[in-house]
Amino acid sequence: MMQEQNTTVRKKGQHLTSFERGRIATLHSQGYSNRAIARALNV
């Protein structure tokens, strides 16, 4: 059975990947604001 859905595009309100969580933690520790972090993650 083949998967017909594209699961690489995340819909609004879904959980973050572990990579995104790590990136958020890094940017937060560097002093980035929440808005700047969202911009960097293209959310």
PDB file of N, CA and C in Angstrom:
ATOM      1  N   MET A   1       0.840  -1.164   0.000  1.00  0.00           N
ATOM      2  CA  MET A   1       0.000   0.000   0.000  1.00  0.00           C
ATOM      3  C   MET A   1       0.896   1.242   0.000  1.00  0.00           C
ATOM      4  N   MET A   2       0.611   2.173  -0.881  1.00  0.00           N
ATOM      5  CA  MET A   2       1.416   3.390  -0.974  1.00  0.00           C
ATOM      6  C   MET A   2       0.753   4.513  -0.189  1.00  0.00           C
ATOM      7  N   GLN A   3       1.581   5.358   0.374  1.00  0.00           N
ATOM      8  CA  GLN A   3       1.063   6.488   1.124  1.00  0.00           C
ATOM      9  C   GLN A   3       0.812   7.640   0.162  1.00  0.00           C
ATOM     10  N   GLU A   4      -0.385   8.163   0.184  1.00  0.00           N
ATOM     11  CA  GLU A   4      -0.780   9.217  -0.749  1.00  0.00           C
ATOM     12  C   GLU A   4      -0.597  10.622  -0.181  1.00  0.00           C
ATOM     13  N   GLN A   5      -0.358  10.732   1.113  1.00  0.00           N
ATOM     14  CA  GLN A   5      -0.279  12.046   1.735  1.00  0.00           C
ATOM     15  C   GLN A   5       1.160  12.525   1.830  1.00  0.00           C
ATOM     16  N   ASN A   6       1.330  13.824   1.683  1.00  0.00           N
ATOM     17  CA  ASN A   6       2.638  14.440   1.862  1.00  0.00           C
ATOM     18  C   ASN A   6       2.770  14.807   3.335  1.00  0.00           C
ATOM     19  N   THR A   7       3.560  14.072   4.077  1.00  0.00           N
ATOM     20  CA  THR A   7       3.669  14.306   5.516  1.00  0.00           C
ATOM     21  C   THR A   7       4.794  15.267   5.879  1.00  0.00           C
ATOM     22  N   THR A   8       5.487  15.826   4.890  1.00  0.00           N
ATOM     23  CA  THR A   8       6.567  16.758   5.201  1.00  0.00           C
ATOM     24  C   THR A   8       6.049  18.167   5.451  1.00  0.00           C
ATOM     25  N   VAL A   9       4.838  18.466   5.032  1.00  0.00           N
ATOM     26  CA  VAL A   9       4.253  19.784   5.255  1.00  0.00           C
ATOM     27  C   VAL A   9       3.448  19.722   6.540  1.00  0.00           C
ATOM     28  N   ARG A  10       3.832  20.558   7.511  1.00  0.00           N
ATOM     29  CA  ARG A  10       3.177  20.542   8.807  1.00  0.00           C
ATOM     30  C   ARG A  10       2.015  21.518   8.812  1.00  0.00           C
ATOM     31  N   LYS A  11       0.884  21.067   9.302  1.00  0.00           N
ATOM     32  CA  LYS A  11      -0.278  21.936   9.416  1.00  0.00           C
ATOM     33  C   LYS A  11      -0.186  22.730  10.708  1.00  0.00           C
ATOM     34  N   LYS A  12      -0.865  23.862  10.743  1.00  0.00           N
ATOM     35  CA  LYS A  12      -0.868  24.711  11.919  1.00  0.00           C
ATOM     36  C   LYS A  12      -1.425  23.943  13.114  1.00  0.00           C
ATOM     37  N   GLY A  13      -0.743  24.044  14.234  1.00  0.00           N
ATOM     38  CA  GLY A  13      -1.209  23.414  15.457  1.00  0.00           C
ATOM     39  C   GLY A  13      -0.674  22.017  15.703  1.00  0.00           C
ATOM     40  N   GLN A  14       0.184  21.509  14.835  1.00  0.00           N
ATOM     41  CA  GLN A  14       0.730  20.172  15.053  1.00  0.00           C
ATOM     42  C   GLN A  14       1.982  20.233  15.913  1.00  0.00           C
ATOM     43  N   HIS A  15       2.395  19.087  16.389  1.00  0.00           N
ATOM     44  CA  HIS A  15       3.548  18.996  17.276  1.00  0.00           C
ATOM     45  C   HIS A  15       4.845  19.320  16.538  1.00  0.00           C
ATOM     46  N   LEU A  16       5.831  19.752  17.317  1.00  0.00           N
ATOM     47  CA  LEU A  16       7.142  20.073  16.763  1.00  0.00           C
ATOM     48  C   LEU A  16       7.997  18.818  16.693  1.00  0.00           C
ATOM     49  N   THR A  17       8.910  18.812  15.750  1.00  0.00           N
ATOM     50  CA  THR A  17       9.868  17.712  15.668  1.00  0.00           C
ATOM     51  C   THR A  17      10.967  17.948  16.701  1.00  0.00           C
ATOM     52  N   SER A  18      11.744  16.926  16.999  1.00  0.00           N
ATOM     53  CA  SER A  18      12.840  17.077  17.958  1.00  0.00           C
ATOM     54  C   SER A  18      13.885  18.056  17.427  1.00  0.00           C
ATOM     55  N   PHE A  19      14.072  18.091  16.105  1.00  0.00           N
ATOM     56  CA  PHE A  19      15.007  19.050  15.513  1.00  0.00           C
ATOM     57  C   PHE A  19      14.533  20.481  15.767  1.00  0.00           C
ATOM     58  N   GLU A  20      13.224  20.731  15.568  1.00  0.00           N
ATOM     59  CA  GLU A  20      12.681  22.071  15.793  1.00  0.00           C
ATOM     60  C   GLU A  20      12.781  22.462  17.261  1.00  0.00           C
ATOM     61  N   ARG A  21      12.537  21.524  18.155  1.00  0.00           N
ATOM     62  CA  ARG A  21      12.667  21.807  19.591  1.00  0.00           C
ATOM     63  C   ARG A  21      14.101  22.209  19.940  1.00  0.00           C
ATOM     64  N   GLY A  22      15.063  21.496  19.378  1.00  0.00           N
ATOM     65  CA  GLY A  22      16.463  21.824  19.624  1.00  0.00           C
ATOM     66  C   GLY A  22      16.835  23.182  19.066  1.00  0.00           C
ATOM     67  N   ARG A  23      16.316  23.474  17.895  1.00  0.00           N
ATOM     68  CA  ARG A  23      16.605  24.773  17.276  1.00  0.00           C
ATOM     69  C   ARG A  23      15.998  25.911  18.093  1.00  0.00           C
ATOM     70  N   ILE A  24      14.776  25.700  18.604  1.00  0.00           N
ATOM     71  CA  ILE A  24      14.131  26.702  19.454  1.00  0.00           C
ATOM     72  C   ILE A  24      14.955  26.924  20.716  1.00  0.00           C
ATOM     73  N   ALA A  25      15.413  25.847  21.340  1.00  0.00           N
ATOM     74  CA  ALA A  25      16.213  25.966  22.559  1.00  0.00           C
ATOM     75  C   ALA A  25      17.500  26.736  22.291  1.00  0.00           C
ATOM     76  N   THR A  26      18.139  26.458  21.163  1.00  0.00           N
ATOM     77  CA  THR A  26      19.377  27.149  20.809  1.00  0.00           C
ATOM     78  C   THR A  26      19.132  28.635  20.593  1.00  0.00           C
ATOM     79  N   LEU A  27      18.106  28.959  19.806  1.00  0.00           N
ATOM     80  CA  LEU A  27      17.809  30.366  19.535  1.00  0.00           C
ATOM     81  C   LEU A  27      17.400  31.094  20.810  1.00  0.00           C
ATOM     82  N   HIS A  28      16.646  30.421  21.679  1.00  0.00           N
ATOM     83  CA  HIS A  28      16.226  31.033  22.940  1.00  0.00           C
ATOM     84  C   HIS A  28      17.439  31.334  23.823  1.00  0.00           C
ATOM     85  N   SER A  29      18.389  30.399  23.866  1.00  0.00           N
ATOM     86  CA  SER A  29      19.588  30.610  24.684  1.00  0.00           C
ATOM     87  C   SER A  29      20.466  31.724  24.126  1.00  0.00           C
ATOM     88  N   GLN A  30      20.320  32.009  22.830  1.00  0.00           N
ATOM     89  CA  GLN A  30      21.074  33.094  22.209  1.00  0.00           C
ATOM     90  C   GLN A  30      20.366  34.435  22.364  1.00  0.00           C
ATOM     91  N   GLY A  31      19.202  34.433  23.023  1.00  0.00           N
ATOM     92  CA  GLY A  31      18.508  35.678  23.313  1.00  0.00           C
ATOM     93  C   GLY A  31      17.480  36.099  22.288  1.00  0.00           C
ATOM     94  N   TYR A  32      17.123  35.222  21.363  1.00  0.00           N
ATOM     95  CA  TYR A  32      16.115  35.552  20.355  1.00  0.00           C
ATOM     96  C   TYR A  32      14.741  35.659  21.001  1.00  0.00           C
ATOM     97  N   SER A  33      13.918  36.568  20.502  1.00  0.00           N
ATOM     98  CA  SER A  33      12.545  36.690  20.989  1.00  0.00           C
ATOM     99  C   SER A  33      11.693  35.575  20.390  1.00  0.00           C
ATOM    100  N   ASN A  34      10.507  35.380  20.959  1.00  0.00           N
ATOM    101  CA  ASN A  34       9.602  34.354  20.434  1.00  0.00           C
ATOM    102  C   ASN A  34       9.232  34.635  18.982  1.00  0.00           C
ATOM    103  N   ARG A  35       9.022  35.894  18.654  1.00  0.00           N
ATOM    104  CA  ARG A  35       8.689  36.243  17.263  1.00  0.00           C
ATOM    105  C   ARG A  35       9.841  35.947  16.318  1.00  0.00           C
ATOM    106  N   ALA A  36      11.052  36.263  16.748  1.00  0.00           N
ATOM    107  CA  ALA A  36      12.222  36.003  15.907  1.00  0.00           C
ATOM    108  C   ALA A  36      12.424  34.499  15.708  1.00  0.00           C
ATOM    109  N   ILE A  37      12.155  33.720  16.747  1.00  0.00           N
ATOM    110  CA  ILE A  37      12.267  32.264  16.638  1.00  0.00           C
ATOM    111  C   ILE A  37      11.225  31.739  15.666  1.00  0.00           C
ATOM    112  N   ALA A  38      10.001  32.223  15.763  1.00  0.00           N
ATOM    113  CA  ALA A  38       8.944  31.793  14.842  1.00  0.00           C
ATOM    114  C   ALA A  38       9.308  32.151  13.410  1.00  0.00           C
ATOM    115  N   ARG A  39       9.874  33.335  13.221  1.00  0.00           N
ATOM    116  CA  ARG A  39      10.296  33.752  11.883  1.00  0.00           C
ATOM    117  C   ARG A  39      11.392  32.832  11.351  1.00  0.00           C
ATOM    118  N   ALA A  40      12.320  32.461  12.214  1.00  0.00           N
ATOM    119  CA  ALA A  40      13.424  31.593  11.803  1.00  0.00           C
ATOM    120  C   ALA A  40      12.930  30.195  11.438  1.00  0.00           C
ATOM    121  N   LEU A  41      11.864  29.746  12.085  1.00  0.00           N
ATOM    122  CA  LEU A  41      11.302  28.422  11.803  1.00  0.00           C
ATOM    123  C   LEU A  41      10.252  28.462  10.703  1.00  0.00           C
ATOM    124  N   ASN A  42       9.961  29.639  10.173  1.00  0.00           N
ATOM    125  CA  ASN A  42       8.932  29.809   9.133  1.00  0.00           C
ATOM    126  C   ASN A  42       7.571  29.298   9.585  1.00  0.00           C
ATOM    127  N   VAL A  43       7.195  29.663  10.790  1.00  0.00           N
ATOM    128  CA  VAL A  43       5.899  29.227  11.333  1.00  0.00           C
ATOM    129  C   VAL A  43       4.883  30.322  11.121  1.00  0.00           C
TER     130      VAL A  43
END
